[in-house]
């Protein structure tokens, strides 16, 4: 993901995260996020469909989006990384980020 993409997305409150099913169909989901350097960090429960799909295929797209997950701007390719959780109170959640391609 380019610096331009990160700059544009950092102005948004919600982004549309598209993950991919095993058959290749995309599933767009609205998510809140924080920017951390060259990464976008998202916090979600471990049992969500998006985490399951990311475990199977880490290639995602991100775009400015609506609360319904509809993209309102250009989409950028990214690679999702599931980060470990070290806080016992957050065991049922995962953080994942994207790294530039």
PDB file of N, CA and C in Angstrom:
ATOM      1  N   UNK A   1       0.852  -1.165   0.000  1.00  0.00           N
ATOM      2  CA  UNK A   1       0.000   0.000   0.000  1.00  0.00           C
ATOM      3  C   UNK A   1       0.900   1.230   0.000  1.00  0.00           C
ATOM      4  N   UNK A   2       0.553   2.191  -0.797  1.00  0.00           N
ATOM      5  CA  UNK A   2       1.397   3.370  -0.968  1.00  0.00           C
ATOM      6  C   UNK A   2       1.206   4.376   0.164  1.00  0.00           C
ATOM      7  N   UNK A   3       2.132   5.313   0.238  1.00  0.00           N
ATOM      8  CA  UNK A   3       2.025   6.398   1.205  1.00  0.00           C
ATOM      9  C   UNK A   3       0.780   7.218   0.927  1.00  0.00           C
ATOM     10  N   UNK A   4       0.464   7.420  -0.346  1.00  0.00           N
ATOM     11  CA  UNK A   4      -0.749   8.147  -0.729  1.00  0.00           C
ATOM     12  C   UNK A   4      -1.993   7.451  -0.174  1.00  0.00           C
ATOM     13  N   UNK A   5      -2.035   6.128  -0.290  1.00  0.00           N
ATOM     14  CA  UNK A   5      -3.176   5.359   0.214  1.00  0.00           C
ATOM     15  C   UNK A   5      -3.302   5.528   1.720  1.00  0.00           C
ATOM     16  N   UNK A   6      -2.196   5.410   2.426  1.00  0.00           N
ATOM     17  CA  UNK A   6      -2.224   5.567   3.880  1.00  0.00           C
ATOM     18  C   UNK A   6      -2.689   6.961   4.289  1.00  0.00           C
ATOM     19  N   UNK A   7      -2.221   7.976   3.569  1.00  0.00           N
ATOM     20  CA  UNK A   7      -2.632   9.352   3.870  1.00  0.00           C
ATOM     21  C   UNK A   7      -4.133   9.526   3.662  1.00  0.00           C
ATOM     22  N   UNK A   8      -4.650   8.999   2.560  1.00  0.00           N
ATOM     23  CA  UNK A   8      -6.088   9.132   2.286  1.00  0.00           C
ATOM     24  C   UNK A   8      -6.917   8.366   3.303  1.00  0.00           C
ATOM     25  N   UNK A   9      -6.517   7.151   3.616  1.00  0.00           N
ATOM     26  CA  UNK A   9      -7.287   6.343   4.552  1.00  0.00           C
ATOM     27  C   UNK A   9      -7.218   6.887   5.976  1.00  0.00           C
ATOM     28  N   UNK A  10      -6.114   7.531   6.340  1.00  0.00           N
ATOM     29  CA  UNK A  10      -5.975   8.064   7.696  1.00  0.00           C
ATOM     30  C   UNK A  10      -6.996   9.153   7.997  1.00  0.00           C
ATOM     31  N   UNK A  11      -7.593   9.745   6.972  1.00  0.00           N
ATOM     32  CA  UNK A  11      -8.621  10.779   7.169  1.00  0.00           C
ATOM     33  C   UNK A  11     -10.008  10.185   7.392  1.00  0.00           C
ATOM     34  N   UNK A  12     -10.130   8.881   7.235  1.00  0.00           N
ATOM     35  CA  UNK A  12     -11.428   8.216   7.344  1.00  0.00           C
ATOM     36  C   UNK A  12     -11.659   7.706   8.762  1.00  0.00           C
ATOM     37  N   UNK A  13     -12.921   7.548   9.124  1.00  0.00           N
ATOM     38  CA  UNK A  13     -13.274   6.922  10.405  1.00  0.00           C
ATOM     39  C   UNK A  13     -13.515   5.429  10.227  1.00  0.00           C
ATOM     40  N   UNK A  14     -14.037   5.063   9.075  1.00  0.00           N
ATOM     41  CA  UNK A  14     -14.349   3.670   8.768  1.00  0.00           C
ATOM     42  C   UNK A  14     -13.754   3.342   7.405  1.00  0.00           C
ATOM     43  N   UNK A  15     -13.217   2.135   7.294  1.00  0.00           N
ATOM     44  CA  UNK A  15     -12.753   1.682   5.988  1.00  0.00           C
ATOM     45  C   UNK A  15     -13.489   0.397   5.626  1.00  0.00           C
ATOM     46  N   UNK A  16     -13.508   0.104   4.355  1.00  0.00           N
ATOM     47  CA  UNK A  16     -14.074  -1.140   3.863  1.00  0.00           C
ATOM     48  C   UNK A  16     -12.914  -2.111   3.680  1.00  0.00           C
ATOM     49  N   UNK A  17     -12.950  -3.207   4.421  1.00  0.00           N
ATOM     50  CA  UNK A  17     -11.941  -4.254   4.328  1.00  0.00           C
ATOM     51  C   UNK A  17     -12.553  -5.413   3.548  1.00  0.00           C
ATOM     52  N   UNK A  18     -11.948  -5.761   2.429  1.00  0.00           N
ATOM     53  CA  UNK A  18     -12.442  -6.892   1.649  1.00  0.00           C
ATOM     54  C   UNK A  18     -11.515  -8.074   1.846  1.00  0.00           C
ATOM     55  N   UNK A  19     -12.084  -9.163   2.367  1.00  0.00           N
ATOM     56  CA  UNK A  19     -11.378 -10.428   2.518  1.00  0.00           C
ATOM     57  C   UNK A  19     -11.980 -11.401   1.521  1.00  0.00           C
ATOM     58  N   UNK A  20     -11.316 -12.521   1.298  1.00  0.00           N
ATOM     59  CA  UNK A  20     -11.733 -13.418   0.222  1.00  0.00           C
ATOM     60  C   UNK A  20     -12.051 -14.824   0.725  1.00  0.00           C
ATOM     61  N   UNK A  21     -13.192 -15.328   0.271  1.00  0.00           N
ATOM     62  CA  UNK A  21     -13.607 -16.693   0.584  1.00  0.00           C
ATOM     63  C   UNK A  21     -12.734 -17.674  -0.186  1.00  0.00           C
ATOM     64  N   UNK A  22     -12.834 -18.930   0.178  1.00  0.00           N
ATOM     65  CA  UNK A  22     -12.047 -19.975  -0.503  1.00  0.00           C
ATOM     66  C   UNK A  22     -12.336 -20.040  -1.998  1.00  0.00           C
ATOM     67  N   UNK A  23     -13.574 -19.692  -2.385  1.00  0.00           N
ATOM     68  CA  UNK A  23     -13.926 -19.736  -3.807  1.00  0.00           C
ATOM     69  C   UNK A  23     -13.546 -18.453  -4.541  1.00  0.00           C
ATOM     70  N   UNK A  24     -12.906 -17.502  -3.837  1.00  0.00           N
ATOM     71  CA  UNK A  24     -12.422 -16.279  -4.468  1.00  0.00           C
ATOM     72  C   UNK A  24     -13.352 -15.089  -4.387  1.00  0.00           C
ATOM     73  N   UNK A  25     -14.583 -15.300  -3.917  1.00  0.00           N
ATOM     74  CA  UNK A  25     -15.519 -14.173  -3.798  1.00  0.00           C
ATOM     75  C   UNK A  25     -15.097 -13.258  -2.655  1.00  0.00           C
ATOM     76  N   UNK A  26     -15.157 -11.952  -2.907  1.00  0.00           N
ATOM     77  CA  UNK A  26     -14.800 -10.973  -1.898  1.00  0.00           C
ATOM     78  C   UNK A  26     -15.953 -10.690  -0.949  1.00  0.00           C
ATOM     79  N   UNK A  27     -15.605 -10.419   0.314  1.00  0.00           N
ATOM     80  CA  UNK A  27     -16.584 -10.046   1.328  1.00  0.00           C
ATOM     81  C   UNK A  27     -16.122  -8.733   1.945  1.00  0.00           C
ATOM     82  N   UNK A  28     -16.861  -7.661   1.676  1.00  0.00           N
ATOM     83  CA  UNK A  28     -16.505  -6.341   2.198  1.00  0.00           C
ATOM     84  C   UNK A  28     -17.123  -6.161   3.583  1.00  0.00           C
ATOM     85  N   UNK A  29     -16.322  -5.668   4.523  1.00  0.00           N
ATOM     86  CA  UNK A  29     -16.755  -5.463   5.896  1.00  0.00           C
ATOM     87  C   UNK A  29     -16.313  -4.083   6.358  1.00  0.00           C
ATOM     88  N   UNK A  30     -17.207  -3.302   6.985  1.00  0.00           N
ATOM     89  CA  UNK A  30     -16.775  -2.018   7.536  1.00  0.00           C
ATOM     90  C   UNK A  30     -15.998  -2.256   8.826  1.00  0.00           C
ATOM     91  N   UNK A  31     -14.880  -1.582   8.973  1.00  0.00           N
ATOM     92  CA  UNK A  31     -14.076  -1.725  10.187  1.00  0.00           C
ATOM     93  C   UNK A  31     -13.514  -0.373  10.603  1.00  0.00           C
ATOM     94  N   UNK A  32     -13.387  -0.197  11.909  1.00  0.00           N
ATOM     95  CA  UNK A  32     -12.643   0.934  12.444  1.00  0.00           C
ATOM     96  C   UNK A  32     -11.170   0.545  12.465  1.00  0.00           C
ATOM     97  N   UNK A  33     -10.298   1.507  12.542  1.00  0.00           N
ATOM     98  CA  UNK A  33      -8.870   1.202  12.467  1.00  0.00           C
ATOM     99  C   UNK A  33      -8.075   2.347  13.070  1.00  0.00           C
ATOM    100  N   UNK A  34      -6.810   2.102  13.290  1.00  0.00           N
ATOM    101  CA  UNK A  34      -5.852   3.149  13.641  1.00  0.00           C
ATOM    102  C   UNK A  34      -4.647   2.975  12.733  1.00  0.00           C
ATOM    103  N   UNK A  35      -4.028   4.071  12.383  1.00  0.00           N
ATOM    104  CA  UNK A  35      -2.803   4.021  11.590  1.00  0.00           C
ATOM    105  C   UNK A  35      -1.608   3.909  12.508  1.00  0.00           C
ATOM    106  N   UNK A  36      -0.668   3.063  12.142  1.00  0.00           N
ATOM    107  CA  UNK A  36       0.554   2.872  12.918  1.00  0.00           C
ATOM    108  C   UNK A  36       1.711   2.795  11.932  1.00  0.00           C
ATOM    109  N   UNK A  37       2.326   3.943  11.645  1.00  0.00           N
ATOM    110  CA  UNK A  37       3.397   3.967  10.655  1.00  0.00           C
ATOM    111  C   UNK A  37       2.859   3.586   9.291  1.00  0.00           C
ATOM    112  N   UNK A  38       3.422   2.519   8.713  1.00  0.00           N
ATOM    113  CA  UNK A  38       2.986   2.039   7.401  1.00  0.00           C
ATOM    114  C   UNK A  38       1.913   0.962   7.503  1.00  0.00           C
ATOM    115  N   UNK A  39       1.268   0.855   8.657  1.00  0.00           N
ATOM    116  CA  UNK A  39       0.281  -0.196   8.884  1.00  0.00           C
ATOM    117  C   UNK A  39      -1.061   0.395   9.298  1.00  0.00           C
ATOM    118  N   UNK A  40      -2.121  -0.338   8.989  1.00  0.00           N
ATOM    119  CA  UNK A  40      -3.446  -0.051   9.516  1.00  0.00           C
ATOM    120  C   UNK A  40      -3.754  -1.174  10.502  1.00  0.00           C
ATOM    121  N   UNK A  41      -4.120  -0.831  11.722  1.00  0.00           N
ATOM    122  CA  UNK A  41      -4.406  -1.845  12.732  1.00  0.00           C
ATOM    123  C   UNK A  41      -5.900  -1.910  12.987  1.00  0.00           C
ATOM    124  N   UNK A  42      -6.409  -3.141  13.028  1.00  0.00           N
ATOM    125  CA  UNK A  42      -7.836  -3.396  13.231  1.00  0.00           C
ATOM    126  C   UNK A  42      -7.955  -4.397  14.368  1.00  0.00           C
ATOM    127  N   UNK A  43      -8.926  -4.196  15.234  1.00  0.00           N
ATOM    128  CA  UNK A  43      -9.136  -5.089  16.373  1.00  0.00           C
ATOM    129  C   UNK A  43     -10.479  -5.761  16.202  1.00  0.00           C
ATOM    130  N   UNK A  44     -10.513  -7.087  16.284  1.00  0.00           N
ATOM    131  CA  UNK A  44     -11.761  -7.818  16.087  1.00  0.00           C
ATOM    132  C   UNK A  44     -11.723  -9.137  16.843  1.00  0.00           C
ATOM    133  N   UNK A  45     -12.879  -9.729  17.036  1.00  0.00           N
ATOM    134  CA  UNK A  45     -12.966 -11.019  17.732  1.00  0.00           C
ATOM    135  C   UNK A  45     -12.390 -12.131  16.862  1.00  0.00           C
ATOM    136  N   UNK A  46     -11.816 -13.132  17.508  1.00  0.00           N
ATOM    137  CA  UNK A  46     -11.170 -14.229  16.782  1.00  0.00           C
ATOM    138  C   UNK A  46     -12.155 -15.100  16.020  1.00  0.00           C
ATOM    139  N   UNK A  47     -13.420 -15.059  16.385  1.00  0.00           N
ATOM    140  CA  UNK A  47     -14.410 -15.935  15.756  1.00  0.00           C
ATOM    141  C   UNK A  47     -15.107 -15.302  14.559  1.00  0.00           C
ATOM    142  N   UNK A  48     -14.724 -14.098  14.177  1.00  0.00           N
ATOM    143  CA  UNK A  48     -15.385 -13.433  13.060  1.00  0.00           C
ATOM    144  C   UNK A  48     -14.990 -14.068  11.735  1.00  0.00           C
ATOM    145  N   UNK A  49     -15.873 -13.924  10.768  1.00  0.00           N
ATOM    146  CA  UNK A  49     -15.605 -14.452   9.435  1.00  0.00           C
ATOM    147  C   UNK A  49     -14.359 -13.854   8.818  1.00  0.00           C
ATOM    148  N   UNK A  50     -14.126 -12.563   9.042  1.00  0.00           N
ATOM    149  CA  UNK A  50     -12.955 -11.933   8.416  1.00  0.00           C
ATOM    150  C   UNK A  50     -11.654 -12.545   8.917  1.00  0.00           C
ATOM    151  N   UNK A  51     -11.583 -12.901  10.187  1.00  0.00           N
ATOM    152  CA  UNK A  51     -10.366 -13.543  10.711  1.00  0.00           C
ATOM    153  C   UNK A  51     -10.204 -14.927  10.095  1.00  0.00           C
ATOM    154  N   UNK A  52     -11.285 -15.665   9.995  1.00  0.00           N
ATOM    155  CA  UNK A  52     -11.217 -16.998   9.379  1.00  0.00           C
ATOM    156  C   UNK A  52     -10.753 -16.897   7.927  1.00  0.00           C
ATOM    157  N   UNK A  53     -11.302 -15.914   7.186  1.00  0.00           N
ATOM    158  CA  UNK A  53     -10.903 -15.758   5.784  1.00  0.00           C
ATOM    159  C   UNK A  53      -9.456 -15.307   5.657  1.00  0.00           C
ATOM    160  N   UNK A  54      -8.991 -14.451   6.565  1.00  0.00           N
ATOM    161  CA  UNK A  54      -7.595 -13.989   6.520  1.00  0.00           C
ATOM    162  C   UNK A  54      -6.642 -15.133   6.824  1.00  0.00           C
ATOM    163  N   UNK A  55      -7.038 -16.027   7.714  1.00  0.00           N
ATOM    164  CA  UNK A  55      -6.185 -17.199   7.988  1.00  0.00           C
ATOM    165  C   UNK A  55      -6.008 -18.047   6.727  1.00  0.00           C
ATOM    166  N   UNK A  56      -7.028 -18.085   5.906  1.00  0.00           N
ATOM    167  CA  UNK A  56      -6.986 -18.869   4.672  1.00  0.00           C
ATOM    168  C   UNK A  56      -6.291 -18.118   3.533  1.00  0.00           C
ATOM    169  N   UNK A  57      -6.490 -16.811   3.450  1.00  0.00           N
ATOM    170  CA  UNK A  57      -5.938 -15.990   2.367  1.00  0.00           C
ATOM    171  C   UNK A  57      -5.653 -14.596   2.919  1.00  0.00           C
ATOM    172  N   UNK A  58      -4.399 -14.257   3.080  1.00  0.00           N
ATOM    173  CA  UNK A  58      -4.030 -12.991   3.710  1.00  0.00           C
ATOM    174  C   UNK A  58      -4.115 -11.786   2.763  1.00  0.00           C
ATOM    175  N   UNK A  59      -4.405 -12.029   1.492  1.00  0.00           N
ATOM    176  CA  UNK A  59      -4.533 -10.917   0.543  1.00  0.00           C
ATOM    177  C   UNK A  59      -5.891 -10.243   0.743  1.00  0.00           C
ATOM    178  N   UNK A  60      -5.880  -8.935   0.965  1.00  0.00           N
ATOM    179  CA  UNK A  60      -7.096  -8.163   1.202  1.00  0.00           C
ATOM    180  C   UNK A  60      -7.042  -6.889   0.383  1.00  0.00           C
ATOM    181  N   UNK A  61      -8.161  -6.178   0.332  1.00  0.00           N
ATOM    182  CA  UNK A  61      -8.150  -4.815  -0.196  1.00  0.00           C
ATOM    183  C   UNK A  61      -8.778  -3.918   0.853  1.00  0.00           C
ATOM    184  N   UNK A  62      -8.364  -2.661   0.867  1.00  0.00           N
ATOM    185  CA  UNK A  62      -8.914  -1.661   1.772  1.00  0.00           C
ATOM    186  C   UNK A  62      -9.282  -0.422   0.967  1.00  0.00           C
ATOM    187  N   UNK A  63     -10.328   0.259   1.421  1.00  0.00           N
ATOM    188  CA  UNK A  63     -10.779   1.479   0.757  1.00  0.00           C
ATOM    189  C   UNK A  63     -11.552   2.302   1.769  1.00  0.00           C
ATOM    190  N   UNK A  64     -11.657   3.600   1.524  1.00  0.00           N
ATOM    191  CA  UNK A  64     -12.579   4.408   2.321  1.00  0.00           C
ATOM    192  C   UNK A  64     -13.947   3.777   2.143  1.00  0.00           C
ATOM    193  N   UNK A  65     -14.747   3.749   3.199  1.00  0.00           N
ATOM    194  CA  UNK A  65     -16.022   3.061   3.070  1.00  0.00           C
ATOM    195  C   UNK A  65     -17.107   3.583   3.977  1.00  0.00           C
ATOM    196  N   UNK A  66     -18.303   3.061   3.746  1.00  0.00           N
ATOM    197  CA  UNK A  66     -19.470   3.431   4.540  1.00  0.00           C
ATOM    198  C   UNK A  66     -19.623   2.444   5.695  1.00  0.00           C
ATOM    199  N   UNK A  67     -20.573   2.727   6.575  1.00  0.00           N
ATOM    200  CA  UNK A  67     -20.857   1.846   7.701  1.00  0.00           C
ATOM    201  C   UNK A  67     -21.445   0.510   7.239  1.00  0.00           C
ATOM    202  N   UNK A  68     -21.800   0.402   5.973  1.00  0.00           N
ATOM    203  CA  UNK A  68     -22.311  -0.857   5.414  1.00  0.00           C
ATOM    204  C   UNK A  68     -21.211  -1.638   4.695  1.00  0.00           C
ATOM    205  N   UNK A  69     -19.996  -1.115   4.674  1.00  0.00           N
ATOM    206  CA  UNK A  69     -18.883  -1.807   4.039  1.00  0.00           C
ATOM    207  C   UNK A  69     -18.691  -1.479   2.574  1.00  0.00           C
ATOM    208  N   UNK A  70     -19.493  -0.570   2.040  1.00  0.00           N
ATOM    209  CA  UNK A  70     -19.381  -0.205   0.629  1.00  0.00           C
ATOM    210  C   UNK A  70     -18.210   0.750   0.431  1.00  0.00           C
ATOM    211  N   UNK A  71     -17.357   0.449  -0.524  1.00  0.00           N
ATOM    212  CA  UNK A  71     -16.205   1.300  -0.814  1.00  0.00           C
ATOM    213  C   UNK A  71     -16.675   2.627  -1.410  1.00  0.00           C
ATOM    214  N   UNK A  72     -16.078   3.714  -0.955  1.00  0.00           N
ATOM    215  CA  UNK A  72     -16.428   5.036  -1.477  1.00  0.00           C
ATOM    216  C   UNK A  72     -15.241   5.699  -2.167  1.00  0.00           C
ATOM    217  N   UNK A  73     -14.170   4.964  -2.306  1.00  0.00           N
ATOM    218  CA  UNK A  73     -12.978   5.503  -2.953  1.00  0.00           C
ATOM    219  C   UNK A  73     -12.195   4.371  -3.581  1.00  0.00           C
ATOM    220  N   UNK A  74     -11.000   4.685  -4.048  1.00  0.00           N
ATOM    221  CA  UNK A  74     -10.179   3.643  -4.679  1.00  0.00           C
ATOM    222  C   UNK A  74      -9.807   2.546  -3.681  1.00  0.00           C
ATOM    223  N   UNK A  75      -9.668   1.331  -4.192  1.00  0.00           N
ATOM    224  CA  UNK A  75      -9.264   0.205  -3.358  1.00  0.00           C
ATOM    225  C   UNK A  75      -7.772  -0.045  -3.527  1.00  0.00           C
ATOM    226  N   UNK A  76      -7.128  -0.422  -2.427  1.00  0.00           N
ATOM    227  CA  UNK A  76      -5.710  -0.728  -2.450  1.00  0.00           C
ATOM    228  C   UNK A  76      -5.482  -2.143  -1.949  1.00  0.00           C
ATOM    229  N   UNK A  77      -4.603  -2.859  -2.616  1.00  0.00           N
ATOM    230  CA  UNK A  77      -4.248  -4.217  -2.200  1.00  0.00           C
ATOM    231  C   UNK A  77      -3.337  -4.143  -0.980  1.00  0.00           C
ATOM    232  N   UNK A  78      -3.509  -5.100  -0.078  1.00  0.00           N
ATOM    233  CA  UNK A  78      -2.672  -5.176   1.126  1.00  0.00           C
ATOM    234  C   UNK A  78      -2.584  -6.630   1.553  1.00  0.00           C
ATOM    235  N   UNK A  79      -1.662  -6.898   2.448  1.00  0.00           N
ATOM    236  CA  UNK A  79      -1.521  -8.220   3.041  1.00  0.00           C
ATOM    237  C   UNK A  79      -1.865  -8.105   4.519  1.00  0.00           C
ATOM    238  N   UNK A  80      -2.830  -8.893   4.969  1.00  0.00           N
ATOM    239  CA  UNK A  80      -3.227  -8.876   6.376  1.00  0.00           C
ATOM    240  C   UNK A  80      -2.332  -9.817   7.172  1.00  0.00           C
ATOM    241  N   UNK A  81      -2.000  -9.394   8.370  1.00  0.00           N
ATOM    242  CA  UNK A  81      -1.179 -10.182   9.277  1.00  0.00           C
ATOM    243  C   UNK A  81      -1.932 -10.267  10.600  1.00  0.00           C
ATOM    244  N   UNK A  82      -2.171 -11.466  11.085  1.00  0.00           N
ATOM    245  CA  UNK A  82      -2.834 -11.621  12.381  1.00  0.00           C
ATOM    246  C   UNK A  82      -1.766 -11.538  13.454  1.00  0.00           C
ATOM    247  N   UNK A  83      -1.960 -10.603  14.356  1.00  0.00           N
ATOM    248  CA  UNK A  83      -0.985 -10.379  15.428  1.00  0.00           C
ATOM    249  C   UNK A  83      -1.425 -11.108  16.694  1.00  0.00           C
ATOM    250  N   UNK A  84      -0.476 -11.619  17.474  1.00  0.00           N
ATOM    251  CA  UNK A  84      -0.843 -12.307  18.715  1.00  0.00           C
ATOM    252  C   UNK A  84      -1.354 -11.316  19.759  1.00  0.00           C
ATOM    253  N   UNK A  85      -2.175 -11.823  20.653  1.00  0.00           N
ATOM    254  CA  UNK A  85      -2.705 -11.008  21.751  1.00  0.00           C
ATOM    255  C   UNK A  85      -2.043 -11.487  23.033  1.00  0.00           C
ATOM    256  N   UNK A  86      -1.497 -10.550  23.793  1.00  0.00           N
ATOM    257  CA  UNK A  86      -0.781 -10.914  25.008  1.00  0.00           C
ATOM    258  C   UNK A  86      -1.577 -10.622  26.270  1.00  0.00           C
ATOM    259  N   UNK A  87      -2.658  -9.890  26.172  1.00  0.00           N
ATOM    260  CA  UNK A  87      -3.470  -9.531  27.319  1.00  0.00           C
ATOM    261  C   UNK A  87      -4.515 -10.622  27.544  1.00  0.00           C
ATOM    262  N   UNK A  88      -4.498 -11.270  28.733  1.00  0.00           N
ATOM    263  CA  UNK A  88      -5.441 -12.366  29.012  1.00  0.00           C
ATOM    264  C   UNK A  88      -6.892 -11.939  28.833  1.00  0.00           C
ATOM    265  N   UNK A  89      -7.214 -10.689  29.143  1.00  0.00           N
ATOM    266  CA  UNK A  89      -8.588 -10.211  29.018  1.00  0.00           C
ATOM    267  C   UNK A  89      -9.023 -10.124  27.564  1.00  0.00           C
ATOM    268  N   UNK A  90      -8.081 -10.110  26.639  1.00  0.00           N
ATOM    269  CA  UNK A  90      -8.392  -9.976  25.225  1.00  0.00           C
ATOM    270  C   UNK A  90      -8.140 -11.271  24.459  1.00  0.00           C
ATOM    271  N   UNK A  91      -8.157 -12.421  25.134  1.00  0.00           N
ATOM    272  CA  UNK A  91      -7.840 -13.686  24.481  1.00  0.00           C
ATOM    273  C   UNK A  91      -8.757 -14.019  23.324  1.00  0.00           C
ATOM    274  N   UNK A  92      -9.977 -13.547  23.345  1.00  0.00           N
ATOM    275  CA  UNK A  92     -10.918 -13.867  22.273  1.00  0.00           C
ATOM    276  C   UNK A  92     -10.887 -12.854  21.144  1.00  0.00           C
ATOM    277  N   UNK A  93      -9.876 -12.034  21.094  1.00  0.00           N
ATOM    278  CA  UNK A  93      -9.765 -11.040  20.036  1.00  0.00           C
ATOM    279  C   UNK A  93      -8.404 -11.154  19.354  1.00  0.00           C
ATOM    280  N   UNK A  94      -8.338 -10.691  18.141  1.00  0.00           N
ATOM    281  CA  UNK A  94      -7.069 -10.640  17.410  1.00  0.00           C
ATOM    282  C   UNK A  94      -6.908  -9.234  16.844  1.00  0.00           C
ATOM    283  N   UNK A  95      -5.682  -8.816  16.778  1.00  0.00           N
ATOM    284  CA  UNK A  95      -5.344  -7.576  16.093  1.00  0.00           C
ATOM    285  C   UNK A  95      -4.730  -8.018  14.774  1.00  0.00           C
ATOM    286  N   UNK A  96      -5.047  -7.330  13.723  1.00  0.00           N
ATOM    287  CA  UNK A  96      -4.324  -7.624  12.496  1.00  0.00           C
ATOM    288  C   UNK A  96      -4.037  -6.325  11.789  1.00  0.00           C
ATOM    289  N   UNK A  97      -2.990  -6.342  11.029  1.00  0.00           N
ATOM    290  CA  UNK A  97      -2.573  -5.141  10.329  1.00  0.00           C
ATOM    291  C   UNK A  97      -2.318  -5.455   8.876  1.00  0.00           C
ATOM    292  N   UNK A  98      -2.069  -4.414   8.134  1.00  0.00           N
ATOM    293  CA  UNK A  98      -1.723  -4.622   6.737  1.00  0.00           C
ATOM    294  C   UNK A  98      -0.344  -4.058   6.502  1.00  0.00           C
ATOM    295  N   UNK A  99       0.359  -4.657   5.585  1.00  0.00           N
ATOM    296  CA  UNK A  99       1.678  -4.124   5.251  1.00  0.00           C
ATOM    297  C   UNK A  99       1.687  -3.791   3.767  1.00  0.00           C
ATOM    298  N   UNK A 100       2.463  -2.807   3.396  1.00  0.00           N
ATOM    299  CA  UNK A 100       2.510  -2.408   1.979  1.00  0.00           C
ATOM    300  C   UNK A 100       2.987  -3.545   1.102  1.00  0.00           C
ATOM    301  N   UNK A 101       2.519  -3.539  -0.130  1.00  0.00           N
ATOM    302  CA  UNK A 101       2.984  -4.552  -1.087  1.00  0.00           C
ATOM    303  C   UNK A 101       3.950  -3.950  -2.056  1.00  0.00           C
TER     304      UNK A 101
END
